Amino acid sequence: MTEPEKIEYKPITVRDALTEMKDLSEIMIDLAYSAALFHNRELAEEVLELEERVDYLAYMLNMNLMLAARDAEDAEALVGISAVASATNEVSDAAADIASLVLQDIGIHPIVREAFEKMEERLARAEVMPSSVLSAKKLGELDLASRIGVDVIAIRRGKRWLIDPDEDEPLLSRDIVFARGAPLGVERLRKLACGVTNELE
């Protein structure tokens, strides 16, 4: 029997851990539903990676709560925080369960998929290539919402996630961009990101 992998303790404030868990679990729900409805394995894999991060944050948060409790009164005051973290982690686990259906090739009923394919908004994942017109430009400068009708809701830069990035955030080469918009808009974003087209207008 192999021993479970030991997780190294790293200090993180309870506020920061809860905030990141909330942000990540929210984006996981969006990604998981899109992965299931459009049978997108890339989105499903992103969800499972995010689940690992949320699990790690939940573990760190619980360790910090234990270290912070000096007596029964402290412990009672911290129970609410632990409950919120546990509920957020459950949301993350549920999103991962949805994504797992895609990776196990368990499809949803065609009628359900047909109904959702008529949705006005889609969610897209695109990698910014070095040759892309998007590379090294700030989101505000690109103004993708008015130009092609998509909103960037998250950026993955290596292992780091930027949720709801502001206009001053640049898109860098090899960033993974997640955006929501009309079907034509998200397809345009993919082409811009991979350098197939450099026409933003």
N, C-alpha and C. Protein backbone atom coordinates (compact mmCIF):
# COMPACT_ATOMS: atom_id res chain seq x y z
N MET A 1 0.85 -1.20 0.00
CA MET A 1 0.00 0.00 0.00
C MET A 1 0.88 1.24 0.00
N THR A 2 0.68 2.14 -0.96
CA THR A 2 1.50 3.35 -1.03
C THR A 2 0.96 4.41 -0.10
N GLU A 3 1.87 5.17 0.49
CA GLU A 3 1.47 6.25 1.39
C GLU A 3 0.96 7.43 0.57
N PRO A 4 -0.05 8.15 1.10
CA PRO A 4 -0.55 9.32 0.38
C PRO A 4 0.53 10.39 0.27
N GLU A 5 0.48 11.13 -0.83
CA GLU A 5 1.49 12.16 -1.05
C GLU A 5 1.36 13.25 0.00
N LYS A 6 2.47 13.63 0.59
CA LYS A 6 2.48 14.65 1.63
C LYS A 6 2.36 16.03 0.99
N ILE A 7 1.45 16.85 1.53
CA ILE A 7 1.25 18.19 1.01
C ILE A 7 2.03 19.17 1.89
N GLU A 8 2.89 19.93 1.27
CA GLU A 8 3.71 20.88 2.02
C GLU A 8 2.87 22.08 2.45
N TYR A 9 2.98 22.45 3.72
CA TYR A 9 2.22 23.59 4.23
C TYR A 9 2.83 24.89 3.74
N LYS A 10 1.98 25.75 3.21
CA LYS A 10 2.40 27.08 2.80
C LYS A 10 1.41 28.09 3.37
N PRO A 11 1.91 29.08 4.11
CA PRO A 11 0.99 30.05 4.71
C PRO A 11 0.17 30.79 3.66
N ILE A 12 -1.13 30.88 3.90
CA ILE A 12 -2.03 31.65 3.05
C ILE A 12 -3.15 32.15 3.94
N THR A 13 -3.53 33.40 3.79
CA THR A 13 -4.57 33.93 4.66
C THR A 13 -5.89 33.25 4.35
N VAL A 14 -6.73 33.15 5.36
CA VAL A 14 -8.05 32.55 5.19
C VAL A 14 -8.85 33.33 4.15
N ARG A 15 -8.76 34.66 4.21
CA ARG A 15 -9.48 35.50 3.24
C ARG A 15 -9.04 35.19 1.81
N ASP A 16 -7.73 35.11 1.59
CA ASP A 16 -7.21 34.84 0.24
C ASP A 16 -7.62 33.46 -0.25
N ALA A 17 -7.56 32.49 0.65
CA ALA A 17 -7.92 31.12 0.26
C ALA A 17 -9.40 31.03 -0.10
N LEU A 18 -10.26 31.63 0.72
CA LEU A 18 -11.70 31.60 0.44
C LEU A 18 -12.03 32.34 -0.85
N THR A 19 -11.39 33.48 -1.06
CA THR A 19 -11.65 34.26 -2.28
C THR A 19 -11.26 33.48 -3.52
N GLU A 20 -10.08 32.85 -3.49
CA GLU A 20 -9.64 32.09 -4.65
C GLU A 20 -10.52 30.86 -4.86
N MET A 21 -10.90 30.21 -3.79
CA MET A 21 -11.79 29.05 -3.92
C MET A 21 -13.12 29.44 -4.55
N LYS A 22 -13.67 30.56 -4.12
CA LYS A 22 -14.95 31.03 -4.68
C LYS A 22 -14.80 31.33 -6.16
N ASP A 23 -13.75 32.08 -6.52
CA ASP A 23 -13.55 32.45 -7.92
C ASP A 23 -13.35 31.22 -8.81
N LEU A 24 -12.53 30.29 -8.33
CA LEU A 24 -12.24 29.11 -9.13
C LEU A 24 -13.46 28.20 -9.27
N SER A 25 -14.22 28.03 -8.19
CA SER A 25 -15.40 27.16 -8.27
C SER A 25 -16.44 27.74 -9.22
N GLU A 26 -16.54 29.07 -9.28
CA GLU A 26 -17.49 29.70 -10.21
C GLU A 26 -17.11 29.44 -11.66
N ILE A 27 -15.83 29.63 -11.97
CA ILE A 27 -15.39 29.40 -13.36
C ILE A 27 -15.47 27.92 -13.70
N MET A 28 -15.27 27.05 -12.70
CA MET A 28 -15.37 25.61 -12.94
C MET A 28 -16.76 25.20 -13.40
N ILE A 29 -17.79 25.81 -12.81
CA ILE A 29 -19.17 25.48 -13.19
C ILE A 29 -19.39 25.84 -14.66
N ASP A 30 -18.96 27.04 -15.06
CA ASP A 30 -19.10 27.46 -16.46
C ASP A 30 -18.38 26.49 -17.40
N LEU A 31 -17.13 26.18 -17.05
CA LEU A 31 -16.33 25.30 -17.90
C LEU A 31 -16.91 23.89 -17.98
N ALA A 32 -17.38 23.39 -16.84
CA ALA A 32 -17.90 22.02 -16.79
C ALA A 32 -19.17 21.89 -17.64
N TYR A 33 -20.07 22.84 -17.53
CA TYR A 33 -21.29 22.76 -18.33
C TYR A 33 -20.98 22.87 -19.81
N SER A 34 -20.09 23.78 -20.17
CA SER A 34 -19.73 23.91 -21.58
C SER A 34 -19.05 22.65 -22.08
N ALA A 35 -18.18 22.08 -21.25
CA ALA A 35 -17.50 20.83 -21.64
C ALA A 35 -18.50 19.72 -21.91
N ALA A 36 -19.51 19.61 -21.02
CA ALA A 36 -20.50 18.55 -21.17
C ALA A 36 -21.42 18.77 -22.36
N LEU A 37 -21.88 20.00 -22.51
CA LEU A 37 -22.85 20.29 -23.56
C LEU A 37 -22.26 20.19 -24.95
N PHE A 38 -20.97 20.54 -25.07
CA PHE A 38 -20.34 20.52 -26.39
C PHE A 38 -19.25 19.46 -26.50
N HIS A 39 -19.24 18.55 -25.53
CA HIS A 39 -18.30 17.43 -25.49
C HIS A 39 -16.87 17.90 -25.78
N ASN A 40 -16.43 18.86 -24.98
CA ASN A 40 -15.12 19.47 -25.17
C ASN A 40 -14.15 18.93 -24.11
N ARG A 41 -13.24 18.06 -24.53
CA ARG A 41 -12.31 17.42 -23.61
C ARG A 41 -11.32 18.41 -23.00
N GLU A 42 -10.91 19.42 -23.78
CA GLU A 42 -9.96 20.40 -23.26
C GLU A 42 -10.54 21.15 -22.08
N LEU A 43 -11.81 21.57 -22.19
CA LEU A 43 -12.45 22.27 -21.08
C LEU A 43 -12.60 21.34 -19.88
N ALA A 44 -12.94 20.07 -20.14
CA ALA A 44 -13.09 19.10 -19.05
C ALA A 44 -11.77 18.91 -18.29
N GLU A 45 -10.68 18.84 -19.02
CA GLU A 45 -9.37 18.67 -18.38
C GLU A 45 -9.00 19.90 -17.55
N GLU A 46 -9.37 21.08 -18.02
CA GLU A 46 -9.12 22.30 -17.25
C GLU A 46 -9.87 22.25 -15.91
N VAL A 47 -11.10 21.74 -15.96
CA VAL A 47 -11.90 21.64 -14.73
C VAL A 47 -11.22 20.73 -13.71
N LEU A 48 -10.70 19.61 -14.17
CA LEU A 48 -10.07 18.67 -13.23
C LEU A 48 -8.79 19.24 -12.64
N GLU A 49 -8.06 20.03 -13.43
CA GLU A 49 -6.87 20.70 -12.88
C GLU A 49 -7.27 21.73 -11.83
N LEU A 50 -8.35 22.44 -12.10
CA LEU A 50 -8.83 23.43 -11.14
C LEU A 50 -9.30 22.76 -9.85
N GLU A 51 -9.89 21.58 -9.98
CA GLU A 51 -10.34 20.88 -8.78
C GLU A 51 -9.17 20.58 -7.86
N GLU A 52 -8.03 20.20 -8.43
CA GLU A 52 -6.85 19.94 -7.62
C GLU A 52 -6.43 21.19 -6.86
N ARG A 53 -6.50 22.34 -7.52
CA ARG A 53 -6.13 23.59 -6.87
C ARG A 53 -7.10 23.92 -5.73
N VAL A 54 -8.39 23.74 -5.97
CA VAL A 54 -9.38 24.02 -4.92
C VAL A 54 -9.19 23.07 -3.74
N ASP A 55 -8.93 21.80 -4.03
CA ASP A 55 -8.67 20.84 -2.95
C ASP A 55 -7.47 21.26 -2.11
N TYR A 56 -6.42 21.73 -2.80
CA TYR A 56 -5.22 22.19 -2.10
C TYR A 56 -5.54 23.40 -1.21
N LEU A 57 -6.29 24.36 -1.77
CA LEU A 57 -6.65 25.55 -0.99
C LEU A 57 -7.50 25.18 0.22
N ALA A 58 -8.41 24.23 0.06
CA ALA A 58 -9.25 23.80 1.17
C ALA A 58 -8.40 23.16 2.27
N TYR A 59 -7.41 22.39 1.86
CA TYR A 59 -6.51 21.74 2.82
C TYR A 59 -5.70 22.79 3.59
N MET A 60 -5.14 23.76 2.86
CA MET A 60 -4.37 24.82 3.50
C MET A 60 -5.23 25.66 4.44
N LEU A 61 -6.46 25.94 3.99
CA LEU A 61 -7.36 26.74 4.82
C LEU A 61 -7.68 26.02 6.12
N ASN A 62 -7.96 24.74 6.02
CA ASN A 62 -8.26 23.98 7.24
C ASN A 62 -7.07 23.90 8.18
N MET A 63 -5.88 23.79 7.62
CA MET A 63 -4.67 23.79 8.47
C MET A 63 -4.53 25.12 9.19
N ASN A 64 -4.77 26.22 8.47
CA ASN A 64 -4.68 27.54 9.08
C ASN A 64 -5.72 27.72 10.18
N LEU A 65 -6.92 27.19 9.96
CA LEU A 65 -7.96 27.28 10.99
C LEU A 65 -7.56 26.52 12.24
N MET A 66 -6.95 25.34 12.04
CA MET A 66 -6.51 24.56 13.20
C MET A 66 -5.42 25.29 13.97
N LEU A 67 -4.50 25.91 13.23
CA LEU A 67 -3.42 26.63 13.89
C LEU A 67 -3.93 27.88 14.61
N ALA A 68 -5.03 28.44 14.10
CA ALA A 68 -5.56 29.67 14.68
C ALA A 68 -6.39 29.43 15.94
N ALA A 69 -6.91 28.22 16.10
CA ALA A 69 -7.78 27.93 17.24
C ALA A 69 -6.96 27.66 18.50
N ARG A 70 -7.07 28.56 19.45
CA ARG A 70 -6.31 28.40 20.70
C ARG A 70 -7.13 27.74 21.79
N ASP A 71 -8.46 27.84 21.66
CA ASP A 71 -9.33 27.23 22.67
C ASP A 71 -10.68 26.94 22.04
N ALA A 72 -11.60 26.43 22.85
CA ALA A 72 -12.92 26.05 22.35
C ALA A 72 -13.68 27.24 21.79
N GLU A 73 -13.50 28.41 22.39
CA GLU A 73 -14.20 29.60 21.91
C GLU A 73 -13.72 29.99 20.51
N ASP A 74 -12.40 29.93 20.30
CA ASP A 74 -11.85 30.20 18.97
C ASP A 74 -12.38 29.19 17.95
N ALA A 75 -12.37 27.93 18.35
CA ALA A 75 -12.81 26.87 17.44
C ALA A 75 -14.25 27.09 17.03
N GLU A 76 -15.10 27.48 17.98
CA GLU A 76 -16.51 27.71 17.67
C GLU A 76 -16.66 28.87 16.68
N ALA A 77 -15.85 29.91 16.85
CA ALA A 77 -15.93 31.07 15.97
C ALA A 77 -15.48 30.73 14.55
N LEU A 78 -14.61 29.72 14.41
CA LEU A 78 -14.06 29.37 13.10
C LEU A 78 -14.87 28.31 12.37
N VAL A 79 -15.87 27.73 13.05
CA VAL A 79 -16.67 26.67 12.44
C VAL A 79 -17.38 27.18 11.18
N GLY A 80 -17.89 28.40 11.22
CA GLY A 80 -18.61 28.97 10.08
C GLY A 80 -17.73 29.08 8.85
N ILE A 81 -16.48 29.50 9.05
CA ILE A 81 -15.54 29.62 7.94
C ILE A 81 -15.27 28.25 7.33
N SER A 82 -15.09 27.26 8.20
CA SER A 82 -14.84 25.90 7.72
C SER A 82 -16.03 25.37 6.92
N ALA A 83 -17.24 25.71 7.35
CA ALA A 83 -18.44 25.26 6.65
C ALA A 83 -18.54 25.88 5.26
N VAL A 84 -18.21 27.16 5.15
CA VAL A 84 -18.23 27.84 3.85
C VAL A 84 -17.20 27.22 2.91
N ALA A 85 -16.00 26.97 3.44
CA ALA A 85 -14.95 26.35 2.63
C ALA A 85 -15.37 24.96 2.16
N SER A 86 -16.00 24.19 3.05
CA SER A 86 -16.44 22.85 2.70
C SER A 86 -17.51 22.89 1.60
N ALA A 87 -18.45 23.83 1.71
CA ALA A 87 -19.51 23.96 0.70
C ALA A 87 -18.92 24.36 -0.64
N THR A 88 -17.95 25.26 -0.62
CA THR A 88 -17.31 25.69 -1.87
C THR A 88 -16.56 24.53 -2.51
N ASN A 89 -15.92 23.73 -1.68
CA ASN A 89 -15.20 22.56 -2.18
C ASN A 89 -16.18 21.55 -2.80
N GLU A 90 -17.37 21.45 -2.25
CA GLU A 90 -18.38 20.54 -2.80
C GLU A 90 -18.84 21.01 -4.18
N VAL A 91 -18.94 22.34 -4.36
CA VAL A 91 -19.29 22.88 -5.68
C VAL A 91 -18.21 22.50 -6.69
N SER A 92 -16.96 22.63 -6.26
CA SER A 92 -15.82 22.26 -7.11
C SER A 92 -15.89 20.78 -7.47
N ASP A 93 -16.19 19.92 -6.50
CA ASP A 93 -16.27 18.48 -6.75
C ASP A 93 -17.40 18.15 -7.73
N ALA A 94 -18.52 18.86 -7.60
CA ALA A 94 -19.65 18.63 -8.49
C ALA A 94 -19.29 19.01 -9.93
N ALA A 95 -18.59 20.13 -10.09
CA ALA A 95 -18.16 20.54 -11.42
C ALA A 95 -17.22 19.50 -12.02
N ALA A 96 -16.33 18.96 -11.19
CA ALA A 96 -15.40 17.92 -11.66
C ALA A 96 -16.14 16.66 -12.07
N ASP A 97 -17.23 16.34 -11.35
CA ASP A 97 -18.03 15.17 -11.72
C ASP A 97 -18.65 15.35 -13.10
N ILE A 98 -19.12 16.56 -13.38
CA ILE A 98 -19.70 16.85 -14.70
C ILE A 98 -18.63 16.70 -15.77
N ALA A 99 -17.45 17.27 -15.51
CA ALA A 99 -16.36 17.19 -16.49
C ALA A 99 -15.92 15.75 -16.72
N SER A 100 -15.98 14.94 -15.69
CA SER A 100 -15.56 13.55 -15.82
C SER A 100 -16.44 12.78 -16.80
N LEU A 101 -17.71 13.20 -16.93
CA LEU A 101 -18.60 12.54 -17.89
C LEU A 101 -18.04 12.67 -19.30
N VAL A 102 -17.45 13.82 -19.58
CA VAL A 102 -16.88 14.06 -20.91
C VAL A 102 -15.66 13.17 -21.12
N LEU A 103 -14.78 13.12 -20.13
CA LEU A 103 -13.55 12.35 -20.27
C LEU A 103 -13.80 10.85 -20.29
N GLN A 104 -14.95 10.43 -19.75
CA GLN A 104 -15.32 9.02 -19.79
C GLN A 104 -16.21 8.71 -20.99
N ASP A 105 -16.37 9.72 -21.86
CA ASP A 105 -17.20 9.57 -23.06
C ASP A 105 -18.64 9.18 -22.75
N ILE A 106 -19.15 9.70 -21.63
CA ILE A 106 -20.56 9.50 -21.30
C ILE A 106 -21.28 10.77 -21.78
N GLY A 107 -21.92 10.67 -22.89
CA GLY A 107 -22.56 11.84 -23.49
C GLY A 107 -23.89 12.17 -22.85
N ILE A 108 -24.37 13.39 -23.12
CA ILE A 108 -25.70 13.76 -22.68
C ILE A 108 -26.67 13.48 -23.82
N HIS A 109 -27.94 13.45 -23.51
CA HIS A 109 -28.95 13.12 -24.51
C HIS A 109 -28.93 14.14 -25.65
N PRO A 110 -29.04 13.68 -26.90
CA PRO A 110 -28.99 14.60 -28.05
C PRO A 110 -30.01 15.72 -27.99
N ILE A 111 -31.17 15.46 -27.40
CA ILE A 111 -32.20 16.51 -27.30
C ILE A 111 -31.71 17.65 -26.42
N VAL A 112 -31.06 17.29 -25.32
CA VAL A 112 -30.52 18.32 -24.43
C VAL A 112 -29.44 19.12 -25.13
N ARG A 113 -28.54 18.41 -25.82
CA ARG A 113 -27.46 19.11 -26.52
C ARG A 113 -28.01 20.02 -27.62
N GLU A 114 -29.01 19.55 -28.33
CA GLU A 114 -29.60 20.35 -29.41
C GLU A 114 -30.20 21.64 -28.86
N ALA A 115 -30.84 21.52 -27.69
CA ALA A 115 -31.45 22.70 -27.09
C ALA A 115 -30.39 23.72 -26.69
N PHE A 116 -29.29 23.24 -26.12
CA PHE A 116 -28.26 24.16 -25.65
C PHE A 116 -27.41 24.70 -26.79
N GLU A 117 -27.36 23.99 -27.91
CA GLU A 117 -26.60 24.49 -29.05
C GLU A 117 -27.25 25.74 -29.66
N LYS A 118 -28.53 25.95 -29.31
CA LYS A 118 -29.22 27.14 -29.79
C LYS A 118 -29.02 28.34 -28.87
N MET A 119 -28.28 28.14 -27.80
CA MET A 119 -27.97 29.24 -26.89
C MET A 119 -27.21 30.33 -27.62
N GLU A 120 -27.49 31.56 -27.24
CA GLU A 120 -26.83 32.69 -27.91
C GLU A 120 -25.37 32.83 -27.47
N GLU A 121 -25.05 32.37 -26.27
CA GLU A 121 -23.68 32.52 -25.77
C GLU A 121 -22.98 31.17 -25.68
N ARG A 122 -21.70 31.18 -25.99
CA ARG A 122 -20.85 30.00 -25.85
C ARG A 122 -19.64 30.37 -25.01
N LEU A 123 -18.94 29.35 -24.56
CA LEU A 123 -17.69 29.58 -23.83
C LEU A 123 -16.57 28.95 -24.64
N ALA A 124 -15.50 29.71 -24.83
CA ALA A 124 -14.38 29.24 -25.66
C ALA A 124 -13.08 29.22 -24.88
N ARG A 125 -12.22 28.27 -25.25
CA ARG A 125 -10.85 28.20 -24.72
C ARG A 125 -9.91 28.36 -25.90
N ALA A 126 -8.95 29.27 -25.78
CA ALA A 126 -8.01 29.50 -26.89
C ALA A 126 -6.63 29.81 -26.34
N GLU A 127 -5.61 29.24 -26.97
CA GLU A 127 -4.23 29.52 -26.58
C GLU A 127 -3.67 30.62 -27.47
N VAL A 128 -3.09 31.64 -26.84
CA VAL A 128 -2.51 32.77 -27.58
C VAL A 128 -1.13 32.36 -28.09
N MET A 129 -1.00 32.28 -29.41
CA MET A 129 0.27 31.89 -30.02
C MET A 129 1.16 33.14 -30.19
N PRO A 130 2.49 32.93 -30.28
CA PRO A 130 3.41 34.08 -30.44
C PRO A 130 3.09 34.95 -31.65
N SER A 131 2.55 34.35 -32.70
CA SER A 131 2.25 35.11 -33.94
C SER A 131 0.91 35.83 -33.89
N SER A 132 0.16 35.64 -32.81
CA SER A 132 -1.19 36.21 -32.73
C SER A 132 -1.16 37.72 -32.54
N VAL A 133 -2.12 38.40 -33.15
CA VAL A 133 -2.27 39.84 -32.97
C VAL A 133 -2.67 40.17 -31.53
N LEU A 134 -3.17 39.19 -30.80
CA LEU A 134 -3.57 39.41 -29.40
C LEU A 134 -2.38 39.48 -28.45
N SER A 135 -1.27 38.85 -28.84
CA SER A 135 -0.12 38.72 -27.96
C SER A 135 0.48 40.08 -27.61
N ALA A 136 0.76 40.26 -26.32
CA ALA A 136 1.42 41.46 -25.77
C ALA A 136 0.53 42.70 -25.82
N LYS A 137 -0.78 42.52 -26.00
CA LYS A 137 -1.69 43.66 -25.98
C LYS A 137 -2.60 43.57 -24.76
N LYS A 138 -2.93 44.73 -24.19
CA LYS A 138 -3.82 44.76 -23.04
C LYS A 138 -5.26 44.53 -23.49
N LEU A 139 -6.06 43.96 -22.59
CA LEU A 139 -7.45 43.67 -22.91
C LEU A 139 -8.21 44.93 -23.29
N GLY A 140 -7.93 46.03 -22.59
CA GLY A 140 -8.61 47.28 -22.91
C GLY A 140 -8.27 47.77 -24.30
N GLU A 141 -7.04 47.58 -24.70
CA GLU A 141 -6.59 47.98 -26.04
C GLU A 141 -7.26 47.10 -27.11
N LEU A 142 -7.40 45.83 -26.81
CA LEU A 142 -8.00 44.91 -27.78
C LEU A 142 -9.51 45.15 -27.93
N ASP A 143 -10.17 45.49 -26.82
CA ASP A 143 -11.60 45.80 -26.84
C ASP A 143 -12.40 44.71 -27.57
N LEU A 144 -12.19 43.46 -27.14
CA LEU A 144 -12.79 42.32 -27.82
C LEU A 144 -14.32 42.31 -27.74
N ALA A 145 -14.87 42.89 -26.68
CA ALA A 145 -16.33 42.89 -26.53
C ALA A 145 -17.01 43.64 -27.67
N SER A 146 -16.50 44.82 -27.99
CA SER A 146 -17.15 45.60 -29.04
C SER A 146 -16.69 45.19 -30.44
N ARG A 147 -15.48 44.66 -30.55
CA ARG A 147 -14.96 44.31 -31.87
C ARG A 147 -15.46 42.96 -32.38
N ILE A 148 -15.45 41.95 -31.52
CA ILE A 148 -15.88 40.63 -32.01
C ILE A 148 -16.98 40.01 -31.14
N GLY A 149 -17.38 40.73 -30.09
CA GLY A 149 -18.52 40.25 -29.29
C GLY A 149 -18.22 39.18 -28.28
N VAL A 150 -17.00 39.19 -27.71
CA VAL A 150 -16.68 38.22 -26.65
C VAL A 150 -16.10 38.94 -25.44
N ASP A 151 -16.36 38.37 -24.27
CA ASP A 151 -15.81 38.89 -23.01
C ASP A 151 -14.83 37.86 -22.46
N VAL A 152 -13.63 38.29 -22.15
CA VAL A 152 -12.64 37.40 -21.53
C VAL A 152 -13.00 37.27 -20.05
N ILE A 153 -13.31 36.05 -19.62
CA ILE A 153 -13.72 35.84 -18.23
C ILE A 153 -12.59 35.28 -17.37
N ALA A 154 -11.56 34.73 -18.01
CA ALA A 154 -10.43 34.20 -17.24
C ALA A 154 -9.23 33.98 -18.16
N ILE A 155 -8.06 34.01 -17.55
CA ILE A 155 -6.81 33.73 -18.25
C ILE A 155 -6.02 32.74 -17.39
N ARG A 156 -5.52 31.68 -18.02
CA ARG A 156 -4.61 30.79 -17.31
C ARG A 156 -3.21 31.04 -17.84
N ARG A 157 -2.33 31.42 -16.95
CA ARG A 157 -0.93 31.71 -17.30
C ARG A 157 -0.06 30.72 -16.55
N GLY A 158 0.29 29.63 -17.24
CA GLY A 158 0.99 28.55 -16.54
C GLY A 158 0.02 27.92 -15.56
N LYS A 159 0.38 27.91 -14.28
CA LYS A 159 -0.50 27.37 -13.25
C LYS A 159 -1.33 28.45 -12.58
N ARG A 160 -1.08 29.69 -12.95
CA ARG A 160 -1.78 30.81 -12.31
C ARG A 160 -3.05 31.17 -13.07
N TRP A 161 -4.13 31.39 -12.34
CA TRP A 161 -5.41 31.77 -12.94
C TRP A 161 -5.74 33.22 -12.61
N LEU A 162 -6.14 33.96 -13.62
CA LEU A 162 -6.61 35.34 -13.44
C LEU A 162 -8.10 35.33 -13.77
N ILE A 163 -8.94 35.49 -12.76
CA ILE A 163 -10.37 35.46 -12.94
C ILE A 163 -10.88 36.89 -13.13
N ASP A 164 -11.74 37.07 -14.14
CA ASP A 164 -12.31 38.38 -14.45
C ASP A 164 -11.21 39.45 -14.53
N PRO A 165 -10.25 39.26 -15.44
CA PRO A 165 -9.12 40.20 -15.54
C PRO A 165 -9.58 41.61 -15.93
N ASP A 166 -8.83 42.61 -15.45
CA ASP A 166 -9.21 43.99 -15.77
C ASP A 166 -8.60 44.43 -17.10
N GLU A 167 -8.96 45.63 -17.53
CA GLU A 167 -8.56 46.11 -18.86
C GLU A 167 -7.06 46.31 -19.00
N ASP A 168 -6.35 46.48 -17.89
CA ASP A 168 -4.91 46.70 -17.96
C ASP A 168 -4.11 45.40 -18.07
N GLU A 169 -4.81 44.27 -18.01
CA GLU A 169 -4.11 42.98 -18.07
C GLU A 169 -3.73 42.66 -19.51
N PRO A 170 -2.44 42.41 -19.78
CA PRO A 170 -2.04 42.05 -21.14
C PRO A 170 -2.26 40.56 -21.40
N LEU A 171 -2.45 40.22 -22.65
CA LEU A 171 -2.45 38.82 -23.05
C LEU A 171 -1.03 38.48 -23.50
N LEU A 172 -0.47 37.44 -22.92
CA LEU A 172 0.89 37.05 -23.23
C LEU A 172 0.90 35.80 -24.09
N SER A 173 1.98 35.63 -24.82
CA SER A 173 2.14 34.43 -25.63
C SER A 173 2.03 33.19 -24.75
N ARG A 174 1.24 32.22 -25.18
CA ARG A 174 0.99 30.95 -24.51
C ARG A 174 -0.04 31.07 -23.37
N ASP A 175 -0.62 32.26 -23.16
CA ASP A 175 -1.75 32.36 -22.24
C ASP A 175 -2.90 31.52 -22.78
N ILE A 176 -3.65 30.91 -21.87
CA ILE A 176 -4.89 30.23 -22.25
C ILE A 176 -6.03 31.17 -21.87
N VAL A 177 -6.79 31.57 -22.87
CA VAL A 177 -7.86 32.55 -22.67
C VAL A 177 -9.21 31.84 -22.66
N PHE A 178 -10.05 32.22 -21.72
CA PHE A 178 -11.42 31.71 -21.65
C PHE A 178 -12.35 32.89 -21.85
N ALA A 179 -13.23 32.78 -22.82
CA ALA A 179 -14.11 33.89 -23.16
C ALA A 179 -15.52 33.42 -23.42
N ARG A 180 -16.48 34.32 -23.18
CA ARG A 180 -17.88 34.03 -23.41
C ARG A 180 -18.41 34.97 -24.47
N GLY A 181 -19.21 34.42 -25.40
CA GLY A 181 -19.78 35.28 -26.43
C GLY A 181 -20.61 34.48 -27.43
N ALA A 182 -21.06 35.15 -28.47
CA ALA A 182 -21.84 34.49 -29.52
C ALA A 182 -20.96 33.48 -30.25
N PRO A 183 -21.57 32.45 -30.87
CA PRO A 183 -20.79 31.42 -31.56
C PRO A 183 -19.80 31.97 -32.58
N LEU A 184 -20.21 32.95 -33.37
CA LEU A 184 -19.30 33.52 -34.36
C LEU A 184 -18.14 34.25 -33.69
N GLY A 185 -18.44 34.90 -32.58
CA GLY A 185 -17.41 35.63 -31.86
C GLY A 185 -16.36 34.73 -31.25
N VAL A 186 -16.80 33.63 -30.63
CA VAL A 186 -15.82 32.75 -30.00
C VAL A 186 -14.98 32.03 -31.06
N GLU A 187 -15.59 31.73 -32.21
CA GLU A 187 -14.81 31.13 -33.29
C GLU A 187 -13.78 32.12 -33.82
N ARG A 188 -14.16 33.39 -33.90
CA ARG A 188 -13.23 34.44 -34.34
C ARG A 188 -12.07 34.57 -33.36
N LEU A 189 -12.38 34.47 -32.07
CA LEU A 189 -11.34 34.55 -31.04
C LEU A 189 -10.32 33.43 -31.22
N ARG A 190 -10.80 32.22 -31.46
CA ARG A 190 -9.89 31.09 -31.66
C ARG A 190 -8.94 31.36 -32.83
N LYS A 191 -9.48 31.88 -33.93
CA LYS A 191 -8.66 32.16 -35.10
C LYS A 191 -7.65 33.27 -34.83
N LEU A 192 -8.07 34.28 -34.09
CA LEU A 192 -7.15 35.36 -33.73
C LEU A 192 -6.04 34.85 -32.82
N ALA A 193 -6.41 34.00 -31.86
CA ALA A 193 -5.44 33.50 -30.89
C ALA A 193 -4.38 32.63 -31.54
N CYS A 194 -4.78 31.81 -32.51
CA CYS A 194 -3.81 30.91 -33.14
C CYS A 194 -3.11 31.56 -34.33
N GLY A 195 -3.48 32.77 -34.68
CA GLY A 195 -2.79 33.48 -35.75
C GLY A 195 -3.29 33.19 -37.15
N VAL A 196 -4.44 32.51 -37.26
CA VAL A 196 -5.02 32.24 -38.57
C VAL A 196 -5.44 33.54 -39.24
N THR A 197 -5.93 34.47 -38.43
CA THR A 197 -6.28 35.80 -38.93
C THR A 197 -5.75 36.85 -37.96
N ASN A 198 -5.40 38.01 -38.47
CA ASN A 198 -4.98 39.12 -37.63
C ASN A 198 -5.93 40.31 -37.76
N GLU A 199 -7.07 40.06 -38.40
CA GLU A 199 -8.05 41.13 -38.59
C GLU A 199 -9.00 41.18 -37.41
N LEU A 200 -8.84 42.21 -36.59
CA LEU A 200 -9.70 42.36 -35.41
C LEU A 200 -11.06 42.94 -35.76
N GLU A 201 -11.12 43.76 -36.76
CA GLU A 201 -12.40 44.40 -37.12
C GLU A 201 -13.26 43.46 -37.93
